[in-house]
Amino acid sequence: MDNKIIQKLVESAYDAQTHSHSPYSGFKVGAAVLSKNGNIFAGCNVENAAYPLGQCAEATAIGAMITSGDKAIDAIVIASPNDDACFPCGGCRQKIAEFADDDTPVYMVTRTGSLHQVTIGELLPFAFRDTALAS
């Protein structure tokens, strides 16, 4: 993937991170999705006093993509609030896999700009897909 596009995704994820509503954990996460149509959608984590009702940054960005009418992910960046890569949780891995091919790159960027790349297939090798619902 072109480094300029990756940098735009990183910047979008960092920008979204600043809007995180995380008063309970203080763990601010941002994410940016590049759709197959070339559009970028960003999101942040949104916590709730009823903890299970919170939403991850990846889910927020994916929701924005779907709301706009795009349906497929070409790449995703997740911005960590510290110096460790912030890998997507299991639920977000499944959400990403719903709209991405196994070889779709997932980039984790730290607050200092260190970038770690894997694919969604590596993160979730046996994803539950719509093909499992076919009878």
C-alpha atoms as a PDB file:
ATOM      1  CA  MET A   1       0.000   0.000   0.000  1.00  0.00           C
ATOM      2  CA  ASP A   2       1.173   3.500  -0.840  1.00  0.00           C
ATOM      3  CA  ASN A   3       2.935   5.214   2.092  1.00  0.00           C
ATOM      4  CA  LYS A   4       1.027   8.467   1.469  1.00  0.00           C
ATOM      5  CA  ILE A   5      -2.280   6.652   1.922  1.00  0.00           C
ATOM      6  CA  ILE A   6      -1.038   4.939   5.074  1.00  0.00           C
ATOM      7  CA  GLN A   7       0.069   8.327   6.429  1.00  0.00           C
ATOM      8  CA  LYS A   8      -3.384   9.830   5.693  1.00  0.00           C
ATOM      9  CA  LEU A   9      -4.982   6.923   7.572  1.00  0.00           C
ATOM     10  CA  VAL A  10      -2.611   7.403  10.510  1.00  0.00           C
ATOM     11  CA  GLU A  11      -3.389  11.134  10.651  1.00  0.00           C
ATOM     12  CA  SER A  12      -7.128  10.433  10.501  1.00  0.00           C
ATOM     13  CA  ALA A  13      -6.848   7.864  13.303  1.00  0.00           C
ATOM     14  CA  TYR A  14      -4.817  10.259  15.464  1.00  0.00           C
ATOM     15  CA  ASP A  15      -7.368  13.026  14.855  1.00  0.00           C
ATOM     16  CA  ALA A  16     -10.288  10.753  15.778  1.00  0.00           C
ATOM     17  CA  GLN A  17      -8.402   9.661  18.896  1.00  0.00           C
ATOM     18  CA  THR A  18      -8.536  13.222  20.229  1.00  0.00           C
ATOM     19  CA  HIS A  19     -12.346  12.964  20.312  1.00  0.00           C
ATOM     20  CA  SER A  20     -12.436   9.723  22.309  1.00  0.00           C
ATOM     21  CA  HIS A  21     -15.023   9.608  25.081  1.00  0.00           C
ATOM     22  CA  SER A  22     -13.087   7.516  27.590  1.00  0.00           C
ATOM     23  CA  PRO A  23     -13.697   9.027  31.040  1.00  0.00           C
ATOM     24  CA  TYR A  24     -13.609   5.628  32.779  1.00  0.00           C
ATOM     25  CA  SER A  25     -10.485   4.008  31.374  1.00  0.00           C
ATOM     26  CA  GLY A  26      -8.644   7.056  30.046  1.00  0.00           C
ATOM     27  CA  PHE A  27      -7.591   4.772  27.159  1.00  0.00           C
ATOM     28  CA  LYS A  28      -8.136   6.903  24.047  1.00  0.00           C
ATOM     29  CA  VAL A  29      -8.170   4.962  20.773  1.00  0.00           C
ATOM     30  CA  GLY A  30      -8.666   6.189  17.232  1.00  0.00           C
ATOM     31  CA  ALA A  31      -9.199   4.223  14.040  1.00  0.00           C
ATOM     32  CA  ALA A  32      -9.379   4.996  10.353  1.00  0.00           C
ATOM     33  CA  VAL A  33     -10.759   2.758   7.624  1.00  0.00           C
ATOM     34  CA  LEU A  34      -9.899   3.021   3.944  1.00  0.00           C
ATOM     35  CA  SER A  35     -12.795   1.730   1.878  1.00  0.00           C
ATOM     36  CA  LYS A  36     -12.368  -0.090  -1.419  1.00  0.00           C
ATOM     37  CA  ASN A  37     -13.867   3.067  -2.975  1.00  0.00           C
ATOM     38  CA  GLY A  38     -10.878   5.068  -1.684  1.00  0.00           C
ATOM     39  CA  ASN A  39     -12.735   6.944   1.058  1.00  0.00           C
ATOM     40  CA  ILE A  40     -11.399   7.347   4.596  1.00  0.00           C
ATOM     41  CA  PHE A  41     -13.665   7.015   7.634  1.00  0.00           C
ATOM     42  CA  ALA A  42     -12.484   7.644  11.170  1.00  0.00           C
ATOM     43  CA  GLY A  43     -13.829   6.806  14.591  1.00  0.00           C
ATOM     44  CA  CYS A  44     -12.924   6.804  18.260  1.00  0.00           C
ATOM     45  CA  ASN A  45     -13.847   4.671  21.224  1.00  0.00           C
ATOM     46  CA  VAL A  46     -16.970   5.747  23.093  1.00  0.00           C
ATOM     47  CA  GLU A  47     -17.267   4.508  26.666  1.00  0.00           C
ATOM     48  CA  ASN A  48     -20.467   4.330  28.661  1.00  0.00           C
ATOM     49  CA  ALA A  49     -21.140   4.215  32.392  1.00  0.00           C
ATOM     50  CA  ALA A  50     -22.834   0.880  31.671  1.00  0.00           C
ATOM     51  CA  TYR A  51     -19.523  -0.634  30.532  1.00  0.00           C
ATOM     52  CA  PRO A  52     -20.809  -3.274  28.084  1.00  0.00           C
ATOM     53  CA  LEU A  53     -22.494  -0.529  26.057  1.00  0.00           C
ATOM     54  CA  GLY A  54     -19.208   1.112  25.084  1.00  0.00           C
ATOM     55  CA  GLN A  55     -18.017   1.023  21.485  1.00  0.00           C
ATOM     56  CA  CYS A  56     -14.516   0.495  20.119  1.00  0.00           C
ATOM     57  CA  ALA A  57     -12.908   2.925  17.694  1.00  0.00           C
ATOM     58  CA  GLU A  58     -12.835   0.311  14.934  1.00  0.00           C
ATOM     59  CA  ALA A  59     -16.588  -0.239  15.230  1.00  0.00           C
ATOM     60  CA  THR A  60     -17.222   3.501  15.094  1.00  0.00           C
ATOM     61  CA  ALA A  61     -15.121   3.876  11.916  1.00  0.00           C
ATOM     62  CA  ILE A  62     -16.752   0.850  10.276  1.00  0.00           C
ATOM     63  CA  GLY A  63     -20.197   2.231  11.159  1.00  0.00           C
ATOM     64  CA  ALA A  64     -19.309   5.529   9.503  1.00  0.00           C
ATOM     65  CA  MET A  65     -18.190   3.650   6.390  1.00  0.00           C
ATOM     66  CA  ILE A  66     -21.422   1.669   6.193  1.00  0.00           C
ATOM     67  CA  THR A  67     -23.523   4.774   6.879  1.00  0.00           C
ATOM     68  CA  SER A  68     -21.898   6.509   3.902  1.00  0.00           C
ATOM     69  CA  GLY A  69     -22.773   3.613   1.602  1.00  0.00           C
ATOM     70  CA  ASP A  70     -19.337   1.990   1.261  1.00  0.00           C
ATOM     71  CA  LYS A  71     -19.288  -1.735   2.050  1.00  0.00           C
ATOM     72  CA  ALA A  72     -15.690  -3.013   1.845  1.00  0.00           C
ATOM     73  CA  ILE A  73     -12.475  -2.292   3.772  1.00  0.00           C
ATOM     74  CA  ASP A  74      -9.176  -1.932   1.916  1.00  0.00           C
ATOM     75  CA  ALA A  75      -7.073  -1.130   5.043  1.00  0.00           C
ATOM     76  CA  ILE A  76      -7.489  -0.045   8.653  1.00  0.00           C
ATOM     77  CA  VAL A  77      -5.274   1.836  11.120  1.00  0.00           C
ATOM     78  CA  ILE A  78      -5.697   1.697  14.902  1.00  0.00           C
ATOM     79  CA  ALA A  79      -4.004   4.428  16.964  1.00  0.00           C
ATOM     80  CA  SER A  80      -2.813   3.513  20.444  1.00  0.00           C
ATOM     81  CA  PRO A  81      -2.630   6.034  23.289  1.00  0.00           C
ATOM     82  CA  ASN A  82       0.727   4.635  24.444  1.00  0.00           C
ATOM     83  CA  ASP A  83       3.918   3.025  23.122  1.00  0.00           C
ATOM     84  CA  ASP A  84       2.368  -0.428  22.692  1.00  0.00           C
ATOM     85  CA  ALA A  85       0.509  -1.562  19.591  1.00  0.00           C
ATOM     86  CA  CYS A  86      -3.239  -1.617  20.239  1.00  0.00           C
ATOM     87  CA  PHE A  87      -4.477  -4.774  18.549  1.00  0.00           C
ATOM     88  CA  PRO A  88      -8.227  -4.972  17.873  1.00  0.00           C
ATOM     89  CA  CYS A  89     -10.308  -6.945  20.363  1.00  0.00           C
ATOM     90  CA  GLY A  90     -11.961 -10.181  19.258  1.00  0.00           C
ATOM     91  CA  GLY A  91     -15.260  -8.490  18.480  1.00  0.00           C
ATOM     92  CA  CYS A  92     -13.579  -5.858  16.331  1.00  0.00           C
ATOM     93  CA  ARG A  93     -11.587  -8.515  14.500  1.00  0.00           C
ATOM     94  CA  GLN A  94     -14.893 -10.109  13.545  1.00  0.00           C
ATOM     95  CA  LYS A  95     -16.352  -6.731  12.547  1.00  0.00           C
ATOM     96  CA  ILE A  96     -13.342  -6.011  10.334  1.00  0.00           C
ATOM     97  CA  ALA A  97     -13.524  -9.500   8.794  1.00  0.00           C
ATOM     98  CA  GLU A  98     -17.184  -8.907   7.892  1.00  0.00           C
ATOM     99  CA  PHE A  99     -16.094  -6.223   5.414  1.00  0.00           C
ATOM    100  CA  ALA A 100     -12.515  -7.237   4.532  1.00  0.00           C
ATOM    101  CA  ASP A 101     -10.674  -9.988   2.686  1.00  0.00           C
ATOM    102  CA  ASP A 102      -8.184 -12.109   4.633  1.00  0.00           C
ATOM    103  CA  ASP A 103      -5.240 -10.233   3.084  1.00  0.00           C
ATOM    104  CA  THR A 104      -6.528  -6.790   4.145  1.00  0.00           C
ATOM    105  CA  PRO A 105      -3.785  -4.937   6.051  1.00  0.00           C
ATOM    106  CA  VAL A 106      -4.379  -3.892   9.646  1.00  0.00           C
ATOM    107  CA  TYR A 107      -1.904  -1.293  10.910  1.00  0.00           C
ATOM    108  CA  MET A 108      -1.391  -0.502  14.573  1.00  0.00           C
ATOM    109  CA  VAL A 109       0.345   2.802  15.262  1.00  0.00           C
ATOM    110  CA  THR A 110       1.720   3.885  18.640  1.00  0.00           C
ATOM    111  CA  ARG A 111       1.667   7.423  19.997  1.00  0.00           C
ATOM    112  CA  THR A 112       5.295   7.800  18.873  1.00  0.00           C
ATOM    113  CA  GLY A 113       4.478   6.707  15.317  1.00  0.00           C
ATOM    114  CA  SER A 114       5.810   3.154  15.375  1.00  0.00           C
ATOM    115  CA  LEU A 115       3.790   1.115  12.879  1.00  0.00           C
ATOM    116  CA  HIS A 116       3.068  -2.625  13.090  1.00  0.00           C
ATOM    117  CA  GLN A 117       1.313  -4.380  10.184  1.00  0.00           C
ATOM    118  CA  VAL A 118      -0.575  -7.668  10.049  1.00  0.00           C
ATOM    119  CA  THR A 119      -3.508  -8.892   7.992  1.00  0.00           C
ATOM    120  CA  ILE A 120      -7.009  -9.550   9.247  1.00  0.00           C
ATOM    121  CA  GLY A 121      -6.464 -13.177   8.222  1.00  0.00           C
ATOM    122  CA  GLU A 122      -3.515 -13.348  10.615  1.00  0.00           C
ATOM    123  CA  LEU A 123      -5.523 -11.720  13.415  1.00  0.00           C
ATOM    124  CA  LEU A 124      -8.582 -13.912  12.864  1.00  0.00           C
ATOM    125  CA  PRO A 125      -7.549 -16.968  10.845  1.00  0.00           C
ATOM    126  CA  PHE A 126     -10.893 -18.766  11.025  1.00  0.00           C
ATOM    127  CA  ALA A 127     -13.294 -15.850  10.841  1.00  0.00           C
ATOM    128  CA  PHE A 128     -16.999 -16.585  10.880  1.00  0.00           C
ATOM    129  CA  ARG A 129     -18.176 -15.421   7.473  1.00  0.00           C
ATOM    130  CA  ASP A 130     -21.465 -15.139   5.638  1.00  0.00           C
ATOM    131  CA  THR A 131     -20.596 -18.311   3.734  1.00  0.00           C
ATOM    132  CA  ALA A 132     -21.130 -20.239   6.979  1.00  0.00           C
ATOM    133  CA  LEU A 133     -24.771 -19.132   6.911  1.00  0.00           C
ATOM    134  CA  ALA A 134     -25.430 -20.526   3.445  1.00  0.00           C
ATOM    135  CA  SER A 135     -27.448 -23.713   3.445  1.00  0.00           C
END
